[in-house]
Protein backbone atom coordinates (compact mmCIF):
# COMPACT_ATOMS: atom_id res chain seq x y z
CA MET A 1 0.00 0.00 0.00
CA ARG A 2 2.75 2.40 0.98
CA THR A 3 4.78 1.63 -2.13
CA LYS A 4 1.81 2.28 -4.41
CA LEU A 5 1.32 5.69 -2.81
CA VAL A 6 5.01 6.55 -3.24
CA GLN A 7 4.87 5.41 -6.87
CA PHE A 8 1.78 7.54 -7.47
CA LEU A 9 3.43 10.64 -6.00
CA ARG A 10 6.63 10.14 -8.05
CA ASP A 11 4.82 9.49 -11.32
CA GLY A 12 4.84 12.70 -13.42
CA SER A 13 3.02 11.41 -16.51
CA GLY A 14 -0.17 13.42 -15.83
CA SER A 15 1.45 16.74 -14.93
CA LEU A 16 0.71 18.31 -18.34
CA THR A 17 -2.94 17.40 -18.03
CA VAL A 18 -3.16 19.07 -14.64
CA GLU A 19 -1.52 22.23 -16.01
CA PHE A 20 -3.94 22.23 -18.94
CA VAL A 21 -6.96 21.81 -16.66
CA VAL A 22 -5.79 24.66 -14.41
CA MET A 23 -4.76 27.09 -17.17
CA THR A 24 -7.63 26.66 -19.66
CA PRO A 25 -10.31 28.43 -17.56
CA LEU A 26 -7.88 31.26 -16.82
CA LEU A 27 -7.05 31.74 -20.49
CA LEU A 28 -10.72 31.60 -21.50
CA SER A 29 -11.57 34.15 -18.80
CA ALA A 30 -8.87 36.48 -20.13
CA LEU A 31 -10.25 36.09 -23.66
CA VAL A 32 -13.81 36.87 -22.56
CA PHE A 33 -12.67 39.85 -20.48
CA SER A 34 -10.70 41.31 -23.38
CA PHE A 35 -13.70 40.89 -25.70
CA GLU A 36 -16.08 42.62 -23.28
CA PHE A 37 -13.60 45.39 -22.49
CA GLY A 38 -13.08 46.03 -26.20
CA LYS A 39 -16.83 46.19 -26.77
CA ALA A 40 -17.32 48.68 -23.92
CA LEU A 41 -14.37 50.80 -25.07
CA TRP A 42 -15.73 50.88 -28.61
CA ALA A 43 -19.15 51.95 -27.32
CA TYR A 44 -17.62 54.71 -25.19
CA ASP A 45 -15.53 55.98 -28.11
CA THR A 46 -18.56 56.02 -30.41
CA ILE A 47 -20.68 57.87 -27.86
CA ALA A 48 -17.98 60.45 -27.12
CA ARG A 49 -17.26 61.11 -30.81
CA ASP A 50 -20.92 61.48 -31.76
CA LEU A 51 -21.76 63.61 -28.73
CA ARG A 52 -18.82 65.91 -29.46
CA GLY A 53 -20.17 66.44 -32.99
CA ALA A 54 -23.67 67.18 -31.67
CA VAL A 55 -22.42 69.74 -29.14
CA ARG A 56 -20.26 71.43 -31.77
CA TYR A 57 -23.35 71.59 -34.01
CA LEU A 58 -25.40 73.21 -31.22
CA SER A 59 -22.68 75.71 -30.39
CA ARG A 60 -22.52 76.95 -33.98
CA THR A 61 -26.19 76.95 -35.09
CA SER A 62 -27.59 80.06 -33.44
CA SER A 63 -26.18 83.50 -33.02
CA ASP A 64 -27.34 84.03 -29.42
CA CYS A 65 -27.07 80.42 -28.12
CA GLY A 66 -30.00 81.07 -25.87
CA ALA A 67 -33.60 80.12 -26.56
CA THR A 68 -32.95 79.32 -30.22
CA VAL A 69 -30.70 76.40 -29.24
CA ALA A 70 -33.85 74.54 -28.13
CA ALA A 71 -35.07 74.63 -31.74
CA TYR A 72 -31.96 72.73 -32.85
CA ARG A 73 -31.97 70.07 -30.12
CA THR A 74 -33.78 67.49 -32.25
CA GLN A 75 -31.21 67.89 -35.03
CA ALA A 76 -28.37 67.63 -32.48
CA GLU A 77 -29.84 64.44 -31.01
CA ASN A 78 -30.21 62.99 -34.51
CA LEU A 79 -26.61 63.95 -35.19
CA ALA A 80 -25.50 62.14 -32.03
CA ARG A 81 -27.58 59.04 -32.84
CA ASN A 82 -27.23 58.80 -36.62
CA GLY A 83 -24.36 61.02 -37.69
CA VAL A 84 -26.72 63.24 -39.73
CA THR A 85 -29.22 65.89 -38.64
CA SER A 86 -32.24 64.03 -40.05
CA GLY A 87 -32.87 60.41 -40.99
CA GLY A 88 -30.05 57.90 -41.12
CA THR A 89 -29.45 54.66 -39.29
CA ALA A 90 -28.76 54.79 -35.57
CA HIS A 91 -25.26 53.96 -34.45
CA TRP A 92 -25.37 50.87 -32.28
CA PRO A 93 -24.92 52.27 -28.74
CA MET A 94 -26.77 55.53 -29.39
CA ALA A 95 -30.07 53.90 -30.36
CA ALA A 96 -31.45 53.96 -26.79
CA ALA A 97 -29.64 57.09 -25.61
CA THR A 98 -31.27 59.71 -23.42
CA PHE A 99 -29.95 63.25 -23.56
CA SER A 100 -30.00 66.01 -20.99
CA TYR A 101 -29.10 69.65 -21.32
CA PRO A 102 -27.93 71.29 -18.13
CA SER A 103 -28.59 74.99 -17.96
CA ASN A 104 -26.23 77.05 -20.05
CA THR A 105 -23.55 78.62 -17.88
CA ALA A 106 -21.60 81.82 -18.32
CA LEU A 107 -17.90 81.50 -18.93
CA GLY A 108 -15.41 84.20 -18.05
CA GLY A 109 -14.42 85.84 -14.80
CA ALA A 110 -11.36 84.12 -13.35
CA TYR A 111 -9.97 83.17 -16.75
CA ASN A 112 -10.01 86.74 -18.11
CA LEU A 113 -12.23 85.65 -20.96
CA PRO A 114 -15.16 87.61 -22.29
CA SER A 115 -18.43 86.40 -20.85
CA SER A 116 -19.87 83.67 -23.04
CA THR A 117 -22.33 80.80 -22.93
CA VAL A 118 -21.27 77.17 -22.63
CA ILE A 119 -23.50 74.52 -24.14
CA LYS A 120 -23.35 71.16 -22.39
CA MET A 121 -24.95 67.92 -23.53
CA THR A 122 -24.98 64.63 -21.63
CA ALA A 123 -25.84 61.22 -23.09
CA SER A 124 -26.70 58.17 -21.01
CA VAL A 125 -26.60 54.94 -22.98
CA PRO A 126 -27.47 51.47 -21.65
CA ILE A 127 -24.89 48.83 -22.65
CA THR A 128 -25.50 45.09 -22.31
CA LEU A 129 -22.45 42.88 -22.14
CA THR A 130 -22.84 39.59 -24.02
CA PHE A 131 -20.72 37.13 -22.06
CA ALA A 132 -21.47 38.75 -18.72
CA SER A 133 -25.16 37.88 -19.14
CA ALA A 134 -24.28 34.21 -19.73
CA LEU A 135 -22.04 34.25 -16.67
CA ASN A 136 -24.77 35.82 -14.56
CA ARG A 137 -27.25 33.16 -15.69
CA MET A 138 -24.84 30.40 -14.68
CA THR A 139 -24.11 31.95 -11.30
CA ARG A 140 -27.67 33.23 -10.78
CA GLY A 141 -26.42 36.79 -10.49
CA SER A 142 -28.42 39.83 -11.42
CA GLY A 143 -27.94 42.60 -13.92
CA THR A 144 -25.61 42.77 -16.90
CA SER A 145 -26.75 46.10 -18.23
CA TYR A 146 -24.56 49.09 -17.52
CA THR A 147 -25.08 52.73 -18.30
CA LEU A 148 -22.34 54.74 -19.96
CA THR A 149 -22.70 58.44 -19.27
CA VAL A 150 -20.72 60.84 -21.40
CA SER A 151 -20.81 64.60 -21.12
CA TYR A 152 -19.39 67.16 -23.50
CA GLN A 153 -19.44 70.92 -23.52
CA SER A 154 -18.43 73.69 -25.87
CA ARG A 155 -18.31 77.43 -25.80
CA CYS A 156 -21.05 79.04 -27.86
CA ILE A 157 -19.60 80.43 -31.07
CA GLY A 158 -22.71 81.16 -33.07
CA ASN A 159 -22.96 81.44 -36.83
């Protein structure tokens, strides 16, 4: 009995199998994480780029950047969602976006700049991660939807 145990402990023929069994889940987890991270980074980049274009559009459409900016909000939201001011196909993450417009603030004072209006636009976009939902189903966790919130602002230039 004792000799069989010693033989078993000295036998190294299955060591590669043990390493494979230990490393495979770790490597697959790293692959899934990199896929999900890339998807979230792509969504954030798309949202930031489109929102920047919409805010730049709003800051240049009206001469006073006051009440008339409200007339251009629909076009700015279309620009953020579709890349054009009317029509077009929604970019993937912007399809369910909600936009908010904080009150326009005056810029100047401490920076020795002439007083001006700053237009700010915030987009909140729900993102669902593919593999995280499967993992949550297996572990009986809850929630795989995350909200990316991106804010951009620009000084009102007018036309």
